[in-house]
Amino acid sequence: MVVMATRYIINLTEDERLWLEDLSTRKRVSKLKAQRAQILLKADERMTDAEVADELGVGTATVERIRKRAVLEGVSASRRRWTAGRKKAFHGSQSSMGGERRTWSRWRAASHPKGSRAGR
């Protein structure tokens, strides 16, 4: 096994460490946010990417990516998911109708309340 030197060294302040510890132990927080907090806490303990990945059950690429973002953009930026350059995924809550048709449908629904005979 080849052990690579860690490029991005995490040095947390006391406030950042307390904030990450709180985030990782909260009950009402997403699993991903808690996991990112745990990755940064382990990285601050001078663990290698492979050690952190093995202990938390994530890939080494995930650890590298979160560590890199924390160093380059700040610790608070590392908790956000990277979305720059990606198109937003289509969600079921979004309408599949085009804008013009959607506008007409809303107008029709508003101008002809349910139960009235005007829309027939």
C-alpha atoms as a PDB file:
ATOM      1  CA  MET A   1       0.000   0.000   0.000  1.00  0.00           C
ATOM      2  CA  VAL A   2       1.295   3.432  -0.954  1.00  0.00           C
ATOM      3  CA  VAL A   3       0.941   6.128   1.662  1.00  0.00           C
ATOM      4  CA  MET A   4       0.753   9.619   0.229  1.00  0.00           C
ATOM      5  CA  ALA A   5       1.598  12.766   2.130  1.00  0.00           C
ATOM      6  CA  THR A   6      -1.404  14.875   3.059  1.00  0.00           C
ATOM      7  CA  ARG A   7      -1.502  18.026   0.994  1.00  0.00           C
ATOM      8  CA  TYR A   8      -4.033  19.997   2.967  1.00  0.00           C
ATOM      9  CA  ILE A   9      -3.373  20.268   6.702  1.00  0.00           C
ATOM     10  CA  ILE A  10      -6.349  21.080   8.929  1.00  0.00           C
ATOM     11  CA  ASN A  11      -5.694  23.460  11.831  1.00  0.00           C
ATOM     12  CA  LEU A  12      -8.954  24.158  13.627  1.00  0.00           C
ATOM     13  CA  THR A  13      -9.424  27.023  16.032  1.00  0.00           C
ATOM     14  CA  GLU A  14     -11.074  26.313  19.373  1.00  0.00           C
ATOM     15  CA  ASP A  15     -14.336  27.873  18.147  1.00  0.00           C
ATOM     16  CA  GLU A  16     -14.328  25.788  14.961  1.00  0.00           C
ATOM     17  CA  ARG A  17     -13.611  22.620  16.921  1.00  0.00           C
ATOM     18  CA  LEU A  18     -16.471  23.301  19.377  1.00  0.00           C
ATOM     19  CA  TRP A  19     -18.823  24.107  16.506  1.00  0.00           C
ATOM     20  CA  LEU A  20     -17.901  20.888  14.638  1.00  0.00           C
ATOM     21  CA  GLU A  21     -18.201  18.774  17.790  1.00  0.00           C
ATOM     22  CA  ASP A  22     -21.643  20.244  18.420  1.00  0.00           C
ATOM     23  CA  LEU A  23     -22.645  19.645  14.809  1.00  0.00           C
ATOM     24  CA  SER A  24     -21.480  16.027  14.849  1.00  0.00           C
ATOM     25  CA  THR A  25     -23.372  15.179  18.052  1.00  0.00           C
ATOM     26  CA  ARG A  26     -26.697  16.908  17.354  1.00  0.00           C
ATOM     27  CA  LYS A  27     -29.709  14.698  16.880  1.00  0.00           C
ATOM     28  CA  ARG A  28     -31.485  16.841  14.292  1.00  0.00           C
ATOM     29  CA  VAL A  29     -28.808  17.292  11.668  1.00  0.00           C
ATOM     30  CA  SER A  30     -28.372  15.553   8.348  1.00  0.00           C
ATOM     31  CA  LYS A  31     -26.093  12.547   8.250  1.00  0.00           C
ATOM     32  CA  LEU A  32     -23.887  14.184   5.627  1.00  0.00           C
ATOM     33  CA  LYS A  33     -23.304  17.321   7.693  1.00  0.00           C
ATOM     34  CA  ALA A  34     -22.438  15.255  10.763  1.00  0.00           C
ATOM     35  CA  GLN A  35     -20.139  13.100   8.666  1.00  0.00           C
ATOM     36  CA  ARG A  36     -18.321  16.128   7.233  1.00  0.00           C
ATOM     37  CA  ALA A  37     -17.861  17.486  10.745  1.00  0.00           C
ATOM     38  CA  GLN A  38     -16.424  14.158  11.897  1.00  0.00           C
ATOM     39  CA  ILE A  39     -14.047  14.074   8.924  1.00  0.00           C
ATOM     40  CA  LEU A  40     -12.688  17.514   9.792  1.00  0.00           C
ATOM     41  CA  LEU A  41     -12.332  16.644  13.469  1.00  0.00           C
ATOM     42  CA  LYS A  42     -10.385  13.468  12.634  1.00  0.00           C
ATOM     43  CA  ALA A  43      -8.256  15.358  10.116  1.00  0.00           C
ATOM     44  CA  ASP A  44      -7.394  17.901  12.811  1.00  0.00           C
ATOM     45  CA  GLU A  45      -6.097  15.015  14.955  1.00  0.00           C
ATOM     46  CA  ARG A  46      -3.441  14.456  12.251  1.00  0.00           C
ATOM     47  CA  MET A  47      -5.003  11.247  10.931  1.00  0.00           C
ATOM     48  CA  THR A  48      -4.264  10.372   7.312  1.00  0.00           C
ATOM     49  CA  ASP A  49      -7.017  10.377   4.701  1.00  0.00           C
ATOM     50  CA  ALA A  50      -6.986   6.578   4.587  1.00  0.00           C
ATOM     51  CA  GLU A  51      -7.300   6.296   8.379  1.00  0.00           C
ATOM     52  CA  VAL A  52     -10.199   8.745   8.463  1.00  0.00           C
ATOM     53  CA  ALA A  53     -11.911   6.973   5.561  1.00  0.00           C
ATOM     54  CA  ASP A  54     -11.555   3.557   7.215  1.00  0.00           C
ATOM     55  CA  GLU A  55     -12.782   4.780  10.593  1.00  0.00           C
ATOM     56  CA  LEU A  56     -15.836   6.609   9.222  1.00  0.00           C
ATOM     57  CA  GLY A  57     -16.671   4.243   6.374  1.00  0.00           C
ATOM     58  CA  VAL A  58     -16.263   6.755   3.543  1.00  0.00           C
ATOM     59  CA  GLY A  59     -13.992   6.873   0.533  1.00  0.00           C
ATOM     60  CA  THR A  60     -10.591   8.499   0.620  1.00  0.00           C
ATOM     61  CA  ALA A  61     -11.670  10.813  -2.208  1.00  0.00           C
ATOM     62  CA  THR A  62     -14.450  12.138   0.039  1.00  0.00           C
ATOM     63  CA  VAL A  63     -11.988  12.870   2.822  1.00  0.00           C
ATOM     64  CA  GLU A  64      -9.582  14.544   0.388  1.00  0.00           C
ATOM     65  CA  ARG A  65     -12.341  16.681  -1.104  1.00  0.00           C
ATOM     66  CA  ILE A  66     -13.666  17.877   2.277  1.00  0.00           C
ATOM     67  CA  ARG A  67     -10.169  18.526   3.608  1.00  0.00           C
ATOM     68  CA  LYS A  68      -9.257  20.508   0.484  1.00  0.00           C
ATOM     69  CA  ARG A  69     -12.397  22.640   0.662  1.00  0.00           C
ATOM     70  CA  ALA A  70     -11.849  23.354   4.370  1.00  0.00           C
ATOM     71  CA  VAL A  71      -8.322  24.608   3.714  1.00  0.00           C
ATOM     72  CA  LEU A  72      -9.050  26.614   0.564  1.00  0.00           C
ATOM     73  CA  GLU A  73     -12.501  28.021   1.349  1.00  0.00           C
ATOM     74  CA  GLY A  74     -12.790  27.782   5.127  1.00  0.00           C
ATOM     75  CA  VAL A  75     -14.304  25.271   7.503  1.00  0.00           C
ATOM     76  CA  SER A  76     -17.857  26.560   7.105  1.00  0.00           C
ATOM     77  CA  ALA A  77     -17.627  26.114   3.309  1.00  0.00           C
ATOM     78  CA  SER A  78     -16.668  22.462   3.657  1.00  0.00           C
ATOM     79  CA  ARG A  79     -20.044  21.581   5.124  1.00  0.00           C
ATOM     80  CA  ARG A  80     -21.887  22.635   1.976  1.00  0.00           C
ATOM     81  CA  ARG A  81     -22.238  20.302  -0.965  1.00  0.00           C
ATOM     82  CA  TRP A  82     -20.409  21.315  -4.086  1.00  0.00           C
ATOM     83  CA  THR A  83     -22.899  22.388  -6.761  1.00  0.00           C
ATOM     84  CA  ALA A  84     -20.994  24.882  -8.896  1.00  0.00           C
ATOM     85  CA  GLY A  85     -21.211  24.000 -12.556  1.00  0.00           C
ATOM     86  CA  ARG A  86     -23.876  21.344 -12.070  1.00  0.00           C
ATOM     87  CA  LYS A  87     -27.386  21.622 -13.376  1.00  0.00           C
ATOM     88  CA  LYS A  88     -30.079  21.318 -10.769  1.00  0.00           C
ATOM     89  CA  ALA A  89     -31.746  17.948 -10.712  1.00  0.00           C
ATOM     90  CA  PHE A  90     -35.392  17.760 -11.687  1.00  0.00           C
ATOM     91  CA  HIS A  91     -37.553  17.218  -8.645  1.00  0.00           C
ATOM     92  CA  GLY A  92     -41.123  15.998  -8.616  1.00  0.00           C
ATOM     93  CA  SER A  93     -42.292  19.232  -7.046  1.00  0.00           C
ATOM     94  CA  GLN A  94     -41.334  21.166 -10.162  1.00  0.00           C
ATOM     95  CA  SER A  95     -43.858  21.404 -12.940  1.00  0.00           C
ATOM     96  CA  SER A  96     -43.182  19.540 -16.176  1.00  0.00           C
ATOM     97  CA  MET A  97     -45.271  22.062 -18.124  1.00  0.00           C
ATOM     98  CA  GLY A  98     -43.653  24.890 -20.038  1.00  0.00           C
ATOM     99  CA  GLY A  99     -43.807  28.398 -18.588  1.00  0.00           C
ATOM    100  CA  GLU A 100     -46.527  29.706 -20.906  1.00  0.00           C
ATOM    101  CA  ARG A 101     -48.835  26.733 -20.353  1.00  0.00           C
ATOM    102  CA  ARG A 102     -48.213  26.808 -16.589  1.00  0.00           C
ATOM    103  CA  THR A 103     -49.154  30.497 -16.474  1.00  0.00           C
ATOM    104  CA  TRP A 104     -52.371  29.831 -18.396  1.00  0.00           C
ATOM    105  CA  SER A 105     -53.268  26.954 -16.073  1.00  0.00           C
ATOM    106  CA  ARG A 106     -52.792  29.137 -13.007  1.00  0.00           C
ATOM    107  CA  TRP A 107     -54.894  31.934 -14.527  1.00  0.00           C
ATOM    108  CA  ARG A 108     -57.666  29.506 -15.421  1.00  0.00           C
ATOM    109  CA  ALA A 109     -57.663  27.948 -11.953  1.00  0.00           C
ATOM    110  CA  ALA A 110     -57.791  31.370 -10.291  1.00  0.00           C
ATOM    111  CA  SER A 111     -60.471  32.822 -12.534  1.00  0.00           C
ATOM    112  CA  HIS A 112     -62.748  29.776 -12.415  1.00  0.00           C
ATOM    113  CA  PRO A 113     -63.089  28.588  -8.810  1.00  0.00           C
ATOM    114  CA  LYS A 114     -63.962  24.989  -8.186  1.00  0.00           C
ATOM    115  CA  GLY A 115     -67.688  24.400  -8.352  1.00  0.00           C
ATOM    116  CA  SER A 116     -68.468  27.382 -10.599  1.00  0.00           C
ATOM    117  CA  ARG A 117     -70.035  26.854 -14.024  1.00  0.00           C
ATOM    118  CA  ALA A 118     -67.870  29.469 -15.753  1.00  0.00           C
ATOM    119  CA  GLY A 119     -65.133  27.031 -16.748  1.00  0.00           C
ATOM    120  CA  ARG A 120     -67.351  24.475 -18.482  1.00  0.00           C
END
